[in-house]
PDB file of N, CA and C in Angstrom:
ATOM      1  N   MET A   1     -74.674  -1.262  10.470  1.00  0.00           N
ATOM      2  CA  MET A   1     -74.077  -0.935   9.585  1.00  0.00           C
ATOM      3  C   MET A   1     -73.919   1.003   9.529  1.00  0.00           C
ATOM      4  N   CYS A   2     -72.723   0.857   9.659  1.00  0.00           N
ATOM      5  CA  CYS A   2     -72.978   2.127   9.271  1.00  0.00           C
ATOM      6  C   CYS A   2     -72.196   3.499   8.331  1.00  0.00           C
ATOM      7  N   ALA A   3     -72.516   5.023   7.975  1.00  0.00           N
ATOM      8  CA  ALA A   3     -72.988   4.996   6.730  1.00  0.00           C
ATOM      9  C   ALA A   3     -71.872   4.881   6.026  1.00  0.00           C
ATOM     10  N   LEU A   4     -70.466   6.171   6.903  1.00  0.00           N
ATOM     11  CA  LEU A   4     -68.777   6.268   6.989  1.00  0.00           C
ATOM     12  C   LEU A   4     -68.000   5.051   7.177  1.00  0.00           C
ATOM     13  N   LYS A   5     -68.186   3.859   7.703  1.00  0.00           N
ATOM     14  CA  LYS A   5     -67.618   2.641   7.410  1.00  0.00           C
ATOM     15  C   LYS A   5     -65.931   3.120   8.993  1.00  0.00           C
ATOM     16  N   ASN A   6     -66.338   4.070   9.918  1.00  0.00           N
ATOM     17  CA  ASN A   6     -65.694   3.983  11.316  1.00  0.00           C
ATOM     18  C   ASN A   6     -64.537   5.210  10.327  1.00  0.00           C
ATOM     19  N   LEU A   7     -65.202   5.815   9.509  1.00  0.00           N
ATOM     20  CA  LEU A   7     -64.186   7.033   9.114  1.00  0.00           C
ATOM     21  C   LEU A   7     -64.669   8.254   9.570  1.00  0.00           C
ATOM     22  N   THR A   8     -64.161   9.921  10.052  1.00  0.00           N
ATOM     23  CA  THR A   8     -64.455  10.673  10.310  1.00  0.00           C
ATOM     24  C   THR A   8     -65.221  11.150   8.965  1.00  0.00           C
ATOM     25  N   PRO A   9     -66.141  12.909   9.141  1.00  0.00           N
ATOM     26  CA  PRO A   9     -67.026  12.946   7.585  1.00  0.00           C
ATOM     27  C   PRO A   9     -65.358  13.763   7.026  1.00  0.00           C
ATOM     28  N   PHE A  10     -64.579  14.076   7.642  1.00  0.00           N
ATOM     29  CA  PHE A  10     -62.918  14.655   6.934  1.00  0.00           C
ATOM     30  C   PHE A  10     -62.497  13.771   6.125  1.00  0.00           C
ATOM     31  N   GLU A  11     -62.344  12.459   6.840  1.00  0.00           N
ATOM     32  CA  GLU A  11     -61.838  11.489   6.047  1.00  0.00           C
ATOM     33  C   GLU A  11     -62.368  10.711   4.599  1.00  0.00           C
ATOM     34  N   ALA A  12     -63.685  10.962   4.806  1.00  0.00           N
ATOM     35  CA  ALA A  12     -64.694  10.709   4.114  1.00  0.00           C
ATOM     36  C   ALA A  12     -64.727  11.306   2.767  1.00  0.00           C
ATOM     37  N   LEU A  13     -64.230  12.963   2.958  1.00  0.00           N
ATOM     38  CA  LEU A  13     -64.199  14.139   2.291  1.00  0.00           C
ATOM     39  C   LEU A  13     -62.676  13.936   1.149  1.00  0.00           C
ATOM     40  N   THR A  14     -62.075  13.807   2.255  1.00  0.00           N
ATOM     41  CA  THR A  14     -60.483  14.152   1.859  1.00  0.00           C
ATOM     42  C   THR A  14     -59.312  12.452   2.208  1.00  0.00           C
ATOM     43  N   SER A  15     -60.039  11.934   1.854  1.00  0.00           N
ATOM     44  CA  SER A  15     -59.293  10.796   2.298  1.00  0.00           C
ATOM     45  C   SER A  15     -57.652  10.787   2.844  1.00  0.00           C
ATOM     46  N   LYS A  16     -57.943  11.544   3.835  1.00  0.00           N
ATOM     47  CA  LYS A  16     -56.660  11.789   4.959  1.00  0.00           C
ATOM     48  C   LYS A  16     -57.410  12.180   6.442  1.00  0.00           C
ATOM     49  N   LYS A  17     -56.241  11.800   7.366  1.00  0.00           N
ATOM     50  CA  LYS A  17     -56.568  11.254   8.621  1.00  0.00           C
ATOM     51  C   LYS A  17     -56.500  12.964   9.249  1.00  0.00           C
ATOM     52  N   PRO A  18     -57.019  13.825   9.749  1.00  0.00           N
ATOM     53  CA  PRO A  18     -57.307  14.938  10.628  1.00  0.00           C
ATOM     54  C   PRO A  18     -56.314  15.031  11.564  1.00  0.00           C
ATOM     55  N   ASN A  19     -55.301  16.259  11.161  1.00  0.00           N
ATOM     56  CA  ASN A  19     -54.436  16.800  12.124  1.00  0.00           C
ATOM     57  C   ASN A  19     -54.767  17.817  12.888  1.00  0.00           C
ATOM     58  N   LEU A  20     -54.958  16.199  14.216  1.00  0.00           N
ATOM     59  CA  LEU A  20     -55.134  17.089  15.448  1.00  0.00           C
ATOM     60  C   LEU A  20     -54.274  17.918  16.619  1.00  0.00           C
ATOM     61  N   SER A  21     -53.180  17.742  15.830  1.00  0.00           N
ATOM     62  CA  SER A  21     -52.117  18.351  17.282  1.00  0.00           C
ATOM     63  C   SER A  21     -51.763  19.881  17.174  1.00  0.00           C
ATOM     64  N   ASN A  22     -52.927  20.594  16.862  1.00  0.00           N
ATOM     65  CA  ASN A  22     -52.582  21.976  17.014  1.00  0.00           C
ATOM     66  C   ASN A  22     -53.915  22.197  18.279  1.00  0.00           C
ATOM     67  N   LEU A  23     -54.550  21.019  18.464  1.00  0.00           N
ATOM     68  CA  LEU A  23     -55.875  21.151  20.001  1.00  0.00           C
ATOM     69  C   LEU A  23     -55.464  21.022  21.501  1.00  0.00           C
ATOM     70  N   PRO A  24     -55.902  21.873  21.598  1.00  0.00           N
ATOM     71  CA  PRO A  24     -55.329  22.077  23.235  1.00  0.00           C
ATOM     72  C   PRO A  24     -55.525  20.537  23.948  1.00  0.00           C
ATOM     73  N   GLU A  25     -54.474  20.067  25.242  1.00  0.00           N
ATOM     74  CA  GLU A  25     -54.802  19.101  25.605  1.00  0.00           C
ATOM     75  C   GLU A  25     -56.254  19.216  26.748  1.00  0.00           C
ATOM     76  N   TRP A  26     -56.708  19.141  27.348  1.00  0.00           N
ATOM     77  CA  TRP A  26     -57.903  19.214  28.299  1.00  0.00           C
ATOM     78  C   TRP A  26     -57.413  19.314  29.800  1.00  0.00           C
ATOM     79  N   GLY A  27     -57.809  20.706  30.387  1.00  0.00           N
ATOM     80  CA  GLY A  27     -57.740  21.038  31.557  1.00  0.00           C
ATOM     81  C   GLY A  27     -56.182  21.910  31.750  1.00  0.00           C
ATOM     82  N   THR A  28     -55.233  22.334  30.032  1.00  0.00           N
ATOM     83  CA  THR A  28     -54.445  23.108  29.817  1.00  0.00           C
ATOM     84  C   THR A  28     -54.636  24.284  31.107  1.00  0.00           C
ATOM     85  N   LYS A  29     -53.687  24.869  31.410  1.00  0.00           N
ATOM     86  CA  LYS A  29     -54.081  26.307  32.201  1.00  0.00           C
ATOM     87  C   LYS A  29     -53.947  26.967  31.284  1.00  0.00           C
ATOM     88  N   VAL A  30     -54.440  28.311  31.601  1.00  0.00           N
ATOM     89  CA  VAL A  30     -55.803  29.660  30.767  1.00  0.00           C
ATOM     90  C   VAL A  30     -55.315  30.231  31.207  1.00  0.00           C
ATOM     91  N   TRP A  31     -54.678  31.853  30.397  1.00  0.00           N
ATOM     92  CA  TRP A  31     -54.665  33.336  31.963  1.00  0.00           C
ATOM     93  C   TRP A  31     -56.103  33.387  30.944  1.00  0.00           C
ATOM     94  N   VAL A  32     -56.759  34.329  31.734  1.00  0.00           N
ATOM     95  CA  VAL A  32     -57.849  35.001  30.890  1.00  0.00           C
ATOM     96  C   VAL A  32     -58.037  36.267  31.631  1.00  0.00           C
ATOM     97  N   HIS A  33     -58.179  37.311  30.759  1.00  0.00           N
ATOM     98  CA  HIS A  33     -58.079  38.801  30.729  1.00  0.00           C
ATOM     99  C   HIS A  33     -59.626  39.103  31.562  1.00  0.00           C
ATOM    100  N   ASP A  34     -59.700  39.674  32.245  1.00  0.00           N
ATOM    101  CA  ASP A  34     -61.073  40.153  32.708  1.00  0.00           C
ATOM    102  C   ASP A  34     -61.031  42.137  32.898  1.00  0.00           C
ATOM    103  N   ASP A  35     -60.880  42.552  32.041  1.00  0.00           N
ATOM    104  CA  ASP A  35     -61.266  43.885  32.178  1.00  0.00           C
ATOM    105  C   ASP A  35     -62.319  44.611  33.310  1.00  0.00           C
ATOM    106  N   ARG A  36     -62.746  43.910  34.154  1.00  0.00           N
ATOM    107  CA  ARG A  36     -63.316  44.566  35.189  1.00  0.00           C
ATOM    108  C   ARG A  36     -62.666  45.071  36.754  1.00  0.00           C
ATOM    109  N   ASN A  37     -61.560  44.515  36.676  1.00  0.00           N
ATOM    110  CA  ASN A  37     -61.239  44.894  37.350  1.00  0.00           C
ATOM    111  C   ASN A  37     -60.258  46.599  37.707  1.00  0.00           C
ATOM    112  N   SER A  38     -59.756  46.806  38.394  1.00  0.00           N
ATOM    113  CA  SER A  38     -59.655  48.361  38.663  1.00  0.00           C
ATOM    114  C   SER A  38     -58.362  48.192  37.741  1.00  0.00           C
ATOM    115  N   LYS A  39     -57.086  49.229  37.913  1.00  0.00           N
ATOM    116  CA  LYS A  39     -55.885  48.972  37.569  1.00  0.00           C
ATOM    117  C   LYS A  39     -54.776  47.853  38.200  1.00  0.00           C
ATOM    118  N   LEU A  40     -55.443  48.415  40.155  1.00  0.00           N
ATOM    119  CA  LEU A  40     -54.034  47.931  40.703  1.00  0.00           C
ATOM    120  C   LEU A  40     -54.945  46.703  41.185  1.00  0.00           C
ATOM    121  N   GLU A  41     -55.915  46.092  40.780  1.00  0.00           N
ATOM    122  CA  GLU A  41     -56.410  44.373  40.836  1.00  0.00           C
ATOM    123  C   GLU A  41     -55.783  43.561  39.794  1.00  0.00           C
ATOM    124  N   GLY A  42     -55.144  42.419  39.726  1.00  0.00           N
ATOM    125  CA  GLY A  42     -55.121  42.065  38.238  1.00  0.00           C
ATOM    126  C   GLY A  42     -56.323  41.748  37.151  1.00  0.00           C
ATOM    127  N   TRP A  43     -55.628  41.682  36.492  1.00  0.00           N
ATOM    128  CA  TRP A  43     -56.300  41.309  35.306  1.00  0.00           C
ATOM    129  C   TRP A  43     -56.141  40.578  34.248  1.00  0.00           C
ATOM    130  N   LEU A  44     -55.307  39.270  34.806  1.00  0.00           N
ATOM    131  CA  LEU A  44     -55.760  37.953  34.632  1.00  0.00           C
ATOM    132  C   LEU A  44     -55.772  37.088  35.068  1.00  0.00           C
ATOM    133  N   LYS A  45     -56.958  36.089  35.261  1.00  0.00           N
ATOM    134  CA  LYS A  45     -56.613  34.600  35.801  1.00  0.00           C
ATOM    135  C   LYS A  45     -56.417  33.655  35.349  1.00  0.00           C
ATOM    136  N   ILE A  46     -56.323  32.836  36.145  1.00  0.00           N
ATOM    137  CA  ILE A  46     -55.838  31.316  35.936  1.00  0.00           C
ATOM    138  C   ILE A  46     -56.909  30.419  35.878  1.00  0.00           C
ATOM    139  N   GLY A  47     -57.283  30.179  34.749  1.00  0.00           N
ATOM    140  CA  GLY A  47     -57.983  28.784  35.124  1.00  0.00           C
ATOM    141  C   GLY A  47     -57.988  27.419  34.135  1.00  0.00           C
ATOM    142  N   ARG A  48     -58.871  26.884  33.560  1.00  0.00           N
ATOM    143  CA  ARG A  48     -58.457  25.311  32.879  1.00  0.00           C
ATOM    144  C   ARG A  48     -59.572  25.272  31.926  1.00  0.00           C
ATOM    145  N   TRP A  49     -58.694  24.819  30.992  1.00  0.00           N
ATOM    146  CA  TRP A  49     -59.351  24.957  29.664  1.00  0.00           C
ATOM    147  C   TRP A  49     -60.343  23.906  29.390  1.00  0.00           C
ATOM    148  N   VAL A  50     -61.291  23.626  29.433  1.00  0.00           N
ATOM    149  CA  VAL A  50     -61.879  22.479  29.381  1.00  0.00           C
ATOM    150  C   VAL A  50     -62.787  22.339  27.588  1.00  0.00           C
ATOM    151  N   GLY A  51     -62.707  22.899  26.890  1.00  0.00           N
ATOM    152  CA  GLY A  51     -63.145  22.401  25.640  1.00  0.00           C
ATOM    153  C   GLY A  51     -63.398  23.738  25.302  1.00  0.00           C
ATOM    154  N   PHE A  52     -63.862  23.808  24.171  1.00  0.00           N
ATOM    155  CA  PHE A  52     -64.350  24.737  22.707  1.00  0.00           C
ATOM    156  C   PHE A  52     -66.270  25.281  23.002  1.00  0.00           C
ATOM    157  N   ASN A  53     -66.940  26.228  23.203  1.00  0.00           N
ATOM    158  CA  ASN A  53     -67.824  26.536  22.853  1.00  0.00           C
ATOM    159  C   ASN A  53     -68.513  26.130  22.234  1.00  0.00           C
ATOM    160  N   MET A  54     -69.818  25.576  21.705  1.00  0.00           N
ATOM    161  CA  MET A  54     -70.383  24.822  20.663  1.00  0.00           C
ATOM    162  C   MET A  54     -71.193  26.452  20.451  1.00  0.00           C
ATOM    163  N   ASP A  55     -71.895  27.234  20.617  1.00  0.00           N
ATOM    164  CA  ASP A  55     -72.279  28.272  20.490  1.00  0.00           C
ATOM    165  C   ASP A  55     -71.419  29.171  19.384  1.00  0.00           C
ATOM    166  N   SER A  56     -70.591  29.676  19.593  1.00  0.00           N
ATOM    167  CA  SER A  56     -69.339  30.824  19.322  1.00  0.00           C
ATOM    168  C   SER A  56     -68.602  29.840  18.663  1.00  0.00           C
ATOM    169  N   MET A  57     -68.295  30.071  17.456  1.00  0.00           N
ATOM    170  CA  MET A  57     -66.647  29.934  16.426  1.00  0.00           C
ATOM    171  C   MET A  57     -65.620  30.534  17.789  1.00  0.00           C
ATOM    172  N   HIS A  58     -65.544  31.388  18.608  1.00  0.00           N
ATOM    173  CA  HIS A  58     -64.298  31.989  19.109  1.00  0.00           C
ATOM    174  C   HIS A  58     -64.153  32.023  20.418  1.00  0.00           C
ATOM    175  N   ALA A  59     -65.331  31.246  21.184  1.00  0.00           N
ATOM    176  CA  ALA A  59     -65.199  31.201  23.177  1.00  0.00           C
ATOM    177  C   ALA A  59     -65.585  30.016  22.605  1.00  0.00           C
ATOM    178  N   HIS A  60     -64.255  30.221  24.579  1.00  0.00           N
ATOM    179  CA  HIS A  60     -63.858  28.639  25.431  1.00  0.00           C
ATOM    180  C   HIS A  60     -64.506  28.484  26.481  1.00  0.00           C
ATOM    181  N   ARG A  61     -65.021  27.118  26.652  1.00  0.00           N
ATOM    182  CA  ARG A  61     -65.132  26.520  28.005  1.00  0.00           C
ATOM    183  C   ARG A  61     -63.805  26.841  28.967  1.00  0.00           C
ATOM    184  N   ILE A  62     -64.338  27.771  30.011  1.00  0.00           N
ATOM    185  CA  ILE A  62     -63.084  27.286  31.559  1.00  0.00           C
ATOM    186  C   ILE A  62     -63.234  27.288  32.413  1.00  0.00           C
ATOM    187  N   TYR A  63     -62.689  26.412  33.014  1.00  0.00           N
ATOM    188  CA  TYR A  63     -63.268  25.960  34.451  1.00  0.00           C
ATOM    189  C   TYR A  63     -62.757  26.261  35.969  1.00  0.00           C
ATOM    190  N   TRP A  64     -63.341  27.290  36.835  1.00  0.00           N
ATOM    191  CA  TRP A  64     -62.430  27.578  37.432  1.00  0.00           C
ATOM    192  C   TRP A  64     -62.272  27.331  39.182  1.00  0.00           C
ATOM    193  N   PRO A  65     -61.151  26.039  39.116  1.00  0.00           N
ATOM    194  CA  PRO A  65     -60.950  25.225  40.265  1.00  0.00           C
ATOM    195  C   PRO A  65     -61.968  25.649  41.654  1.00  0.00           C
ATOM    196  N   GLY A  66     -61.394  27.253  42.268  1.00  0.00           N
ATOM    197  CA  GLY A  66     -61.231  27.915  43.236  1.00  0.00           C
ATOM    198  C   GLY A  66     -62.893  27.837  43.184  1.00  0.00           C
ATOM    199  N   LYS A  67     -63.807  28.569  42.023  1.00  0.00           N
ATOM    200  CA  LYS A  67     -65.337  28.429  42.234  1.00  0.00           C
ATOM    201  C   LYS A  67     -65.692  26.993  41.273  1.00  0.00           C
ATOM    202  N   GLN A  68     -65.184  26.280  41.470  1.00  0.00           N
ATOM    203  CA  GLN A  68     -65.715  25.142  40.749  1.00  0.00           C
ATOM    204  C   GLN A  68     -67.266  24.907  39.784  1.00  0.00           C
ATOM    205  N   MET A  69     -66.544  26.103  38.996  1.00  0.00           N
ATOM    206  CA  MET A  69     -67.905  26.331  37.606  1.00  0.00           C
ATOM    207  C   MET A  69     -67.150  26.788  36.577  1.00  0.00           C
ATOM    208  N   VAL A  70     -68.215  26.151  35.651  1.00  0.00           N
ATOM    209  CA  VAL A  70     -67.294  26.443  33.984  1.00  0.00           C
ATOM    210  C   VAL A  70     -67.705  27.889  33.523  1.00  0.00           C
ATOM    211  N   SER A  71     -67.496  28.492  33.046  1.00  0.00           N
ATOM    212  CA  SER A  71     -67.773  30.065  31.661  1.00  0.00           C
ATOM    213  C   SER A  71     -67.504  29.944  30.783  1.00  0.00           C
ATOM    214  N   VAL A  72     -68.136  30.357  30.150  1.00  0.00           N
ATOM    215  CA  VAL A  72     -67.653  31.126  28.361  1.00  0.00           C
ATOM    216  C   VAL A  72     -66.397  32.162  28.394  1.00  0.00           C
ATOM    217  N   GLU A  73     -65.845  31.765  27.717  1.00  0.00           N
ATOM    218  CA  GLU A  73     -64.567  33.231  28.420  1.00  0.00           C
ATOM    219  C   GLU A  73     -63.688  33.505  26.401  1.00  0.00           C
ATOM    220  N   ARG A  74     -63.693  34.720  25.830  1.00  0.00           N
ATOM    221  CA  ARG A  74     -63.250  35.082  24.594  1.00  0.00           C
ATOM    222  C   ARG A  74     -61.739  35.536  24.416  1.00  0.00           C
ATOM    223  N   ASN A  75     -61.370  35.689  25.517  1.00  0.00           N
ATOM    224  CA  ASN A  75     -60.149  36.054  25.994  1.00  0.00           C
ATOM    225  C   ASN A  75     -59.196  35.270  26.776  1.00  0.00           C
ATOM    226  N   ILE A  76     -58.353  34.358  26.267  1.00  0.00           N
ATOM    227  CA  ILE A  76     -57.657  33.556  26.912  1.00  0.00           C
ATOM    228  C   ILE A  76     -56.143  33.870  25.326  1.00  0.00           C
ATOM    229  N   LYS A  77     -55.547  32.785  26.579  1.00  0.00           N
ATOM    230  CA  LYS A  77     -53.896  32.830  26.757  1.00  0.00           C
ATOM    231  C   LYS A  77     -53.163  31.644  27.162  1.00  0.00           C
ATOM    232  N   PHE A  78     -53.672  30.529  26.149  1.00  0.00           N
ATOM    233  CA  PHE A  78     -52.787  29.392  26.566  1.00  0.00           C
ATOM    234  C   PHE A  78     -51.252  29.513  27.540  1.00  0.00           C
ATOM    235  N   ASP A  79     -50.869  28.399  28.045  1.00  0.00           N
ATOM    236  CA  ASP A  79     -49.514  28.689  29.057  1.00  0.00           C
ATOM    237  C   ASP A  79     -49.440  27.605  28.219  1.00  0.00           C
ATOM    238  N   LYS A  80     -47.912  28.377  27.405  1.00  0.00           N
ATOM    239  CA  LYS A  80     -47.730  27.803  26.348  1.00  0.00           C
ATOM    240  C   LYS A  80     -46.390  26.465  27.288  1.00  0.00           C
ATOM    241  N   MET A  81     -45.896  26.966  28.207  1.00  0.00           N
ATOM    242  CA  MET A  81     -45.102  26.276  28.692  1.00  0.00           C
ATOM    243  C   MET A  81     -45.044  25.317  29.373  1.00  0.00           C
ATOM    244  N   GLU A  82     -46.501  25.356  29.925  1.00  0.00           N
ATOM    245  CA  GLU A  82     -47.401  23.692  29.999  1.00  0.00           C
ATOM    246  C   GLU A  82     -47.598  22.942  28.703  1.00  0.00           C
ATOM    247  N   VAL A  83     -48.312  23.240  28.373  1.00  0.00           N
ATOM    248  CA  VAL A  83     -48.472  22.689  26.534  1.00  0.00           C
ATOM    249  C   VAL A  83     -46.848  22.331  26.162  1.00  0.00           C
ATOM    250  N   TYR A  84     -46.357  22.944  26.298  1.00  0.00           N
ATOM    251  CA  TYR A  84     -45.079  21.877  25.893  1.00  0.00           C
ATOM    252  C   TYR A  84     -44.414  20.358  26.959  1.00  0.00           C
ATOM    253  N   ILE A  85     -44.828  21.382  27.746  1.00  0.00           N
ATOM    254  CA  ILE A  85     -44.208  20.097  29.247  1.00  0.00           C
ATOM    255  C   ILE A  85     -45.274  18.845  29.049  1.00  0.00           C
ATOM    256  N   SER A  86     -46.678  19.636  29.082  1.00  0.00           N
ATOM    257  CA  SER A  86     -47.375  17.965  28.919  1.00  0.00           C
ATOM    258  C   SER A  86     -47.093  17.421  27.701  1.00  0.00           C
ATOM    259  N   SER A  87     -46.603  17.661  26.787  1.00  0.00           N
ATOM    260  CA  SER A  87     -46.304  17.054  25.039  1.00  0.00           C
ATOM    261  C   SER A  87     -45.172  16.180  25.399  1.00  0.00           C
ATOM    262  N   LEU A  88     -43.811  17.755  26.280  1.00  0.00           N
ATOM    263  CA  LEU A  88     -42.832  16.203  26.594  1.00  0.00           C
ATOM    264  C   LEU A  88     -42.528  15.085  27.158  1.00  0.00           C
ATOM    265  N   ASP A  89     -44.203  15.068  28.644  1.00  0.00           N
ATOM    266  CA  ASP A  89     -43.773  14.351  29.397  1.00  0.00           C
ATOM    267  C   ASP A  89     -44.257  12.932  28.878  1.00  0.00           C
ATOM    268  N   MET A  90     -45.353  13.251  27.358  1.00  0.00           N
ATOM    269  CA  MET A  90     -46.007  12.516  26.658  1.00  0.00           C
ATOM    270  C   MET A  90     -44.681  11.448  25.816  1.00  0.00           C
ATOM    271  N   LEU A  91     -44.473  12.390  25.659  1.00  0.00           N
ATOM    272  CA  LEU A  91     -43.202  11.795  24.036  1.00  0.00           C
ATOM    273  C   LEU A  91     -42.048  10.485  25.321  1.00  0.00           C
ATOM    274  N   LEU A  92     -41.862  11.197  26.613  1.00  0.00           N
ATOM    275  CA  LEU A  92     -40.675  10.407  27.457  1.00  0.00           C
ATOM    276  C   LEU A  92     -41.686   9.443  27.782  1.00  0.00           C
ATOM    277  N   GLU A  93     -42.968   9.031  28.612  1.00  0.00           N
ATOM    278  CA  GLU A  93     -43.786   8.160  28.707  1.00  0.00           C
ATOM    279  C   GLU A  93     -43.460   7.284  27.635  1.00  0.00           C
ATOM    280  N   GLY A  94     -43.603   7.747  26.598  1.00  0.00           N
ATOM    281  CA  GLY A  94     -43.680   6.557  25.267  1.00  0.00           C
ATOM    282  C   GLY A  94     -42.307   5.638  25.371  1.00  0.00           C
ATOM    283  N   GLU A  95     -41.209   6.734  25.145  1.00  0.00           N
ATOM    284  CA  GLU A  95     -39.818   5.983  25.693  1.00  0.00           C
ATOM    285  C   GLU A  95     -39.770   5.222  27.036  1.00  0.00           C
ATOM    286  N   ASN A  96     -40.082   5.283  27.764  1.00  0.00           N
ATOM    287  CA  ASN A  96     -40.528   4.729  29.250  1.00  0.00           C
ATOM    288  C   ASN A  96     -41.726   3.041  29.480  1.00  0.00           C
ATOM    289  N   ASP A  97     -42.162   3.188  28.812  1.00  0.00           N
ATOM    290  CA  ASP A  97     -43.129   2.420  27.863  1.00  0.00           C
ATOM    291  C   ASP A  97     -41.967   0.798  27.837  1.00  0.00           C
ATOM    292  N   SER A  98     -41.332   1.252  27.468  1.00  0.00           N
ATOM    293  CA  SER A  98     -40.383   0.511  26.560  1.00  0.00           C
ATOM    294  C   SER A  98     -39.382   0.115  26.909  1.00  0.00           C
ATOM    295  N   ASP A  99     -39.169   0.467  28.144  1.00  0.00           N
ATOM    296  CA  ASP A  99     -37.863  -0.231  28.684  1.00  0.00           C
ATOM    297  C   ASP A  99     -38.516  -1.075  30.060  1.00  0.00           C
ATOM    298  N   SER A 100     -37.643  -1.406  30.456  1.00  0.00           N
ATOM    299  CA  SER A 100     -38.080  -2.930  31.904  1.00  0.00           C
ATOM    300  C   SER A 100     -37.559  -2.227  33.225  1.00  0.00           C
ATOM    301  N   GLY A 101     -37.167  -0.182  33.040  1.00  0.00           N
ATOM    302  CA  GLY A 101     -37.325  -0.062  34.612  1.00  0.00           C
ATOM    303  C   GLY A 101     -38.470  -0.073  35.266  1.00  0.00           C
ATOM    304  N   ASP A 102     -37.999   0.052  36.868  1.00  0.00           N
ATOM    305  CA  ASP A 102     -38.676   0.095  37.462  1.00  0.00           C
ATOM    306  C   ASP A 102     -39.270   1.489  38.230  1.00  0.00           C
ATOM    307  N   GLN A 103     -38.219   2.307  37.591  1.00  0.00           N
ATOM    308  CA  GLN A 103     -38.675   3.924  37.859  1.00  0.00           C
ATOM    309  C   GLN A 103     -39.348   4.434  37.551  1.00  0.00           C
ATOM    310  N   GLU A 104     -40.384   5.656  38.290  1.00  0.00           N
ATOM    311  CA  GLU A 104     -41.324   6.219  38.071  1.00  0.00           C
ATOM    312  C   GLU A 104     -40.832   7.582  37.959  1.00  0.00           C
ATOM    313  N   SER A 105     -41.530   8.038  36.916  1.00  0.00           N
ATOM    314  CA  SER A 105     -42.253   9.623  36.299  1.00  0.00           C
ATOM    315  C   SER A 105     -42.065   9.921  37.149  1.00  0.00           C
ATOM    316  N   VAL A 106     -41.772  11.342  38.281  1.00  0.00           N
ATOM    317  CA  VAL A 106     -42.370  12.197  38.721  1.00  0.00           C
ATOM    318  C   VAL A 106     -42.496  13.925  37.956  1.00  0.00           C
ATOM    319  N   LYS A 107     -43.831  14.131  37.662  1.00  0.00           N
ATOM    320  CA  LYS A 107     -44.309  15.403  37.647  1.00  0.00           C
ATOM    321  C   LYS A 107     -43.915  16.702  37.970  1.00  0.00           C
ATOM    322  N   GLN A 108     -43.260  17.522  37.350  1.00  0.00           N
ATOM    323  CA  GLN A 108     -42.827  18.625  39.020  1.00  0.00           C
ATOM    324  C   GLN A 108     -43.601  19.540  38.118  1.00  0.00           C
ATOM    325  N   PRO A 109     -44.107  20.525  38.976  1.00  0.00           N
ATOM    326  CA  PRO A 109     -45.363  21.793  38.436  1.00  0.00           C
ATOM    327  C   PRO A 109     -44.216  22.822  37.573  1.00  0.00           C
ATOM    328  N   VAL A 110     -44.624  23.449  36.828  1.00  0.00           N
ATOM    329  CA  VAL A 110     -43.804  24.760  36.064  1.00  0.00           C
ATOM    330  C   VAL A 110     -44.657  25.685  36.585  1.00  0.00           C
ATOM    331  N   GLU A 111     -44.212  26.852  37.146  1.00  0.00           N
ATOM    332  CA  GLU A 111     -44.859  28.168  36.934  1.00  0.00           C
ATOM    333  C   GLU A 111     -44.560  29.254  35.982  1.00  0.00           C
ATOM    334  N   THR A 112     -45.157  29.327  35.137  1.00  0.00           N
ATOM    335  CA  THR A 112     -44.653  30.836  34.463  1.00  0.00           C
ATOM    336  C   THR A 112     -45.842  31.919  34.622  1.00  0.00           C
ATOM    337  N   SER A 113     -44.957  33.302  34.245  1.00  0.00           N
ATOM    338  CA  SER A 113     -45.778  34.432  34.252  1.00  0.00           C
ATOM    339  C   SER A 113     -46.298  34.684  33.101  1.00  0.00           C
ATOM    340  N   PRO A 114     -47.839  35.505  32.711  1.00  0.00           N
ATOM    341  CA  PRO A 114     -47.855  35.688  31.225  1.00  0.00           C
ATOM    342  C   PRO A 114     -46.368  36.873  31.103  1.00  0.00           C
ATOM    343  N   LYS A 115     -46.855  36.783  29.972  1.00  0.00           N
ATOM    344  CA  LYS A 115     -45.990  37.631  29.422  1.00  0.00           C
ATOM    345  C   LYS A 115     -47.349  38.734  28.765  1.00  0.00           C
TER     346      LYS A 115
END
């Protein structure tokens, strides 16, 4: 028997469902600031967001595909274009599910540069 009857603690306190629309999607591309490099080397590195760090409120866990490891980073920026495109793809997939067409949608990778 569940004490909260299939509710989250937030729902039990406020009687509302939590708004999770601002959570980043797992695997989203992020730009990580690295100040250990010289001025001639790049100060931004590309990684993938895999979650929040439980030990710190403002730290993120970043996966490095080239190294195949995860590190904890604080100075990151999310690739806004990739977040926008993935949410747009989800909306379009919902529309395609209702269609009876046999066409497959193909995602094209989009590269953006940091500002």
